[in-house]
Amino acid sequence: MAESSYADVGGQVSGILAAAERAAEEIVGAARAEAASILRDAAADADRVRAEASEEATDTRLAVEAYATRRRREADEQASKMLADAERSLAAAFAEAEERALVVAKETEQRQAVVLDELRLLEQRRQRVHGELGRIAGELQDMLPLSEPTELSDALRPGPRRARRR
C-alpha cells in the first residue's frame, strides 16, 4: 500500500502541476489579452490626444490670425484717423495762414496808401518850401549890391540896392 500511495501522490502532484501549468497559461493568456486591451486603449487615447492637440493647434492658429487681423485693422484705422487729423490740421493751418496773408496784404495796401499820401504831402510841402526858398532867394538877391564885393568889409557896407523882383 505504500507503493500505491506513493504512486497516487506522484499522480496527484502531476495533476497539481498540470493544473498549475494550465492556470499559469490561463493567467498569461488573460494578462496578454489585458495588455493588448491596454495597448489598444492607449493607442486610442494617443489618437484622441493627437486629434485634440491638432484641433487645439488649429484653434490657436485661427485665434492668432484673428487677433493679428484685428490688430492690423485697428492699426489701419488708427493710421487713417491720424492721417485725417493731420490733413484737418494742415487744412486749418493753411486756412489760417491764408487768412493771415490776406490781413497782412490788406494792412500792407493800407500802409502803402498812407505812405503814398504822406509822400504826396511831402512833395507838396517840398514844392511849397522850394517856392518859398526861391522867393526868399529873390528877396535876398534884391538886397545885395549890384557888384560883387571882394572883401567882407565891402559886403557889409551899405550900398545901392537892386530892384526887387516879383
Protein backbone atom coordinates (compact mmCIF):
# COMPACT_ATOMS: atom_id res chain seq x y z
CA MET A 1 0.00 0.00 0.00
CA ALA A 2 2.78 2.16 0.49
CA GLU A 3 3.73 1.89 -3.13
CA SER A 4 0.36 2.76 -4.33
CA SER A 5 0.12 5.65 -2.04
CA TYR A 6 3.41 6.94 -3.40
CA ALA A 7 2.17 6.48 -6.92
CA ASP A 8 -1.03 8.21 -6.04
CA VAL A 9 0.91 11.02 -4.51
CA GLY A 10 3.02 11.28 -7.67
CA GLY A 11 -0.12 11.31 -9.82
CA GLN A 12 -1.68 13.90 -7.58
CA VAL A 13 1.46 16.03 -7.74
CA SER A 14 1.47 15.62 -11.51
CA GLY A 15 -2.19 16.65 -11.60
CA ILE A 16 -1.47 19.62 -9.38
CA LEU A 17 1.47 20.62 -11.56
CA ALA A 18 -0.62 20.22 -14.72
CA ALA A 19 -3.42 22.24 -13.15
CA ALA A 20 -0.88 24.86 -12.08
CA GLU A 21 0.51 24.92 -15.61
CA ARG A 22 -2.92 25.33 -17.12
CA ALA A 23 -3.75 28.03 -14.57
CA ALA A 24 -0.43 29.75 -15.39
CA GLU A 25 -1.21 29.56 -19.10
CA GLU A 26 -4.67 30.98 -18.48
CA ILE A 27 -3.18 33.75 -16.35
CA VAL A 28 -0.58 34.52 -19.06
CA GLY A 29 -3.31 34.47 -21.74
CA ALA A 30 -5.52 36.75 -19.64
CA ALA A 31 -2.53 39.04 -18.98
CA ARG A 32 -1.72 39.12 -22.71
CA ALA A 33 -5.34 39.90 -23.55
CA GLU A 34 -5.43 42.62 -20.89
CA ALA A 35 -2.09 44.04 -22.14
CA ALA A 36 -3.42 44.07 -25.71
CA SER A 37 -6.57 45.80 -24.49
CA ILE A 38 -4.47 48.31 -22.57
CA LEU A 39 -2.33 48.89 -25.68
CA ARG A 40 -5.45 49.37 -27.82
CA ASP A 41 -6.87 51.79 -25.23
CA ALA A 42 -3.55 53.63 -25.04
CA ALA A 43 -3.34 53.87 -28.84
CA ALA A 44 -6.93 55.13 -28.96
CA ASP A 45 -6.14 57.64 -26.18
CA ALA A 46 -2.99 58.73 -28.04
CA ASP A 47 -5.01 59.18 -31.26
CA ARG A 48 -7.65 61.13 -29.34
CA VAL A 49 -4.99 63.33 -27.65
CA ARG A 50 -3.28 63.90 -31.03
CA ALA A 51 -6.63 64.85 -32.57
CA GLU A 52 -7.40 67.20 -29.64
CA ALA A 53 -3.89 68.73 -29.86
CA SER A 54 -4.29 69.19 -33.62
CA GLU A 55 -7.71 70.76 -33.08
CA GLU A 56 -6.33 72.98 -30.32
CA ALA A 57 -3.39 73.99 -32.55
CA THR A 58 -5.84 74.84 -35.33
CA ASP A 59 -7.99 76.82 -32.88
CA THR A 60 -4.90 78.63 -31.57
CA ARG A 61 -3.67 79.40 -35.10
CA LEU A 62 -7.12 80.73 -36.04
CA ALA A 63 -7.25 82.79 -32.85
CA VAL A 64 -3.77 84.23 -33.56
CA GLU A 65 -4.76 85.02 -37.15
CA ALA A 66 -7.98 86.67 -35.94
CA TYR A 67 -6.02 88.66 -33.36
CA ALA A 68 -3.44 89.70 -35.98
CA THR A 69 -6.20 90.69 -38.40
CA ARG A 70 -8.00 92.69 -35.70
CA ARG A 71 -4.76 94.43 -34.64
CA ARG A 72 -3.89 95.17 -38.29
CA ARG A 73 -7.38 96.61 -38.84
CA GLU A 74 -7.10 98.68 -35.65
CA ALA A 75 -3.67 99.92 -36.74
CA ASP A 76 -5.04 100.80 -40.18
CA GLU A 77 -7.98 102.61 -38.58
CA GLN A 78 -5.65 104.48 -36.23
CA ALA A 79 -3.34 105.39 -39.12
CA SER A 80 -6.34 106.58 -41.16
CA LYS A 81 -7.58 108.62 -38.19
CA MET A 82 -4.13 110.13 -37.65
CA LEU A 83 -3.87 110.95 -41.36
CA ALA A 84 -7.34 112.54 -41.33
CA ASP A 85 -6.42 114.54 -38.20
CA ALA A 86 -3.16 115.65 -39.83
CA GLU A 87 -5.00 116.65 -43.00
CA ARG A 88 -7.56 118.61 -40.95
CA SER A 89 -4.78 120.31 -39.00
CA LEU A 90 -2.94 121.10 -42.22
CA ALA A 91 -6.11 122.49 -43.81
CA ALA A 92 -6.81 124.59 -40.71
CA ALA A 93 -3.21 125.85 -40.62
CA PHE A 94 -3.35 126.59 -44.34
CA ALA A 95 -6.66 128.44 -43.96
CA GLU A 96 -5.26 130.38 -41.00
CA ALA A 97 -2.08 131.23 -42.93
CA GLU A 98 -4.14 132.26 -45.95
CA GLU A 99 -6.35 134.43 -43.74
CA ARG A 100 -3.29 135.97 -42.10
CA ALA A 101 -1.74 136.58 -45.52
CA LEU A 102 -4.91 138.39 -46.60
CA VAL A 103 -4.81 140.50 -43.43
CA VAL A 104 -1.13 141.29 -43.98
CA ALA A 105 -1.78 142.12 -47.65
CA LYS A 106 -4.65 144.42 -46.67
CA GLU A 107 -2.54 146.06 -43.96
CA THR A 108 0.29 146.46 -46.48
CA GLU A 109 -2.08 148.07 -49.00
CA GLN A 110 -3.38 150.41 -46.31
CA ARG A 111 0.15 151.25 -45.18
CA GLN A 112 1.19 151.78 -48.79
CA ALA A 113 -1.76 154.13 -49.29
CA VAL A 114 -0.80 156.03 -46.14
CA VAL A 115 2.84 156.21 -47.28
CA LEU A 116 1.76 157.41 -50.75
CA ASP A 117 -0.46 160.07 -49.13
CA GLU A 118 2.42 161.14 -46.91
CA LEU A 119 4.72 161.16 -49.95
CA ARG A 120 2.26 163.40 -51.86
CA LEU A 121 2.01 165.72 -48.85
CA LEU A 122 5.79 165.80 -48.54
CA GLU A 123 6.14 166.52 -52.27
CA GLN A 124 3.60 169.36 -51.98
CA ARG A 125 5.43 170.64 -48.94
CA ARG A 126 8.78 170.36 -50.76
CA GLN A 127 7.35 172.33 -53.68
CA ARG A 128 5.99 174.98 -51.30
CA VAL A 129 9.31 175.17 -49.46
CA HIS A 130 11.14 175.32 -52.80
CA GLY A 131 8.86 178.15 -53.89
CA GLU A 132 9.35 179.94 -50.59
CA LEU A 133 13.11 179.46 -50.81
CA GLY A 134 13.02 180.82 -54.36
CA ARG A 135 11.05 183.81 -53.15
CA ILE A 136 13.43 184.33 -50.19
CA ALA A 137 16.42 183.97 -52.51
CA GLY A 138 14.88 186.61 -54.80
CA GLU A 139 14.38 188.94 -51.87
CA LEU A 140 17.93 188.32 -50.74
CA GLN A 141 19.14 188.94 -54.27
CA ASP A 142 17.30 192.23 -54.27
CA MET A 143 19.01 193.20 -51.05
CA LEU A 144 22.52 192.52 -52.28
CA PRO A 145 24.67 195.20 -54.00
CA LEU A 146 24.99 195.16 -57.80
CA SER A 147 28.67 194.42 -57.81
CA GLU A 148 30.16 191.51 -56.02
CA PRO A 149 32.21 192.70 -53.07
CA THR A 150 35.66 191.29 -52.90
CA GLU A 151 36.16 191.92 -49.24
CA LEU A 152 33.94 191.15 -46.29
CA SER A 153 34.02 194.77 -45.23
CA ASP A 154 32.78 195.78 -48.71
CA ALA A 155 29.95 193.28 -48.47
CA LEU A 156 28.87 194.63 -45.13
CA ARG A 157 28.95 198.28 -46.23
CA PRO A 158 25.62 199.78 -47.19
CA GLY A 159 25.36 200.45 -50.88
CA PRO A 160 22.95 200.72 -53.77
CA ARG A 161 20.39 198.00 -53.87
CA ARG A 162 18.87 196.14 -56.73
CA ALA A 163 15.28 196.48 -57.55
CA ARG A 164 13.09 193.83 -56.16
CA ARG A 165 11.90 191.05 -58.45
CA ARG A 166 8.39 189.94 -58.21
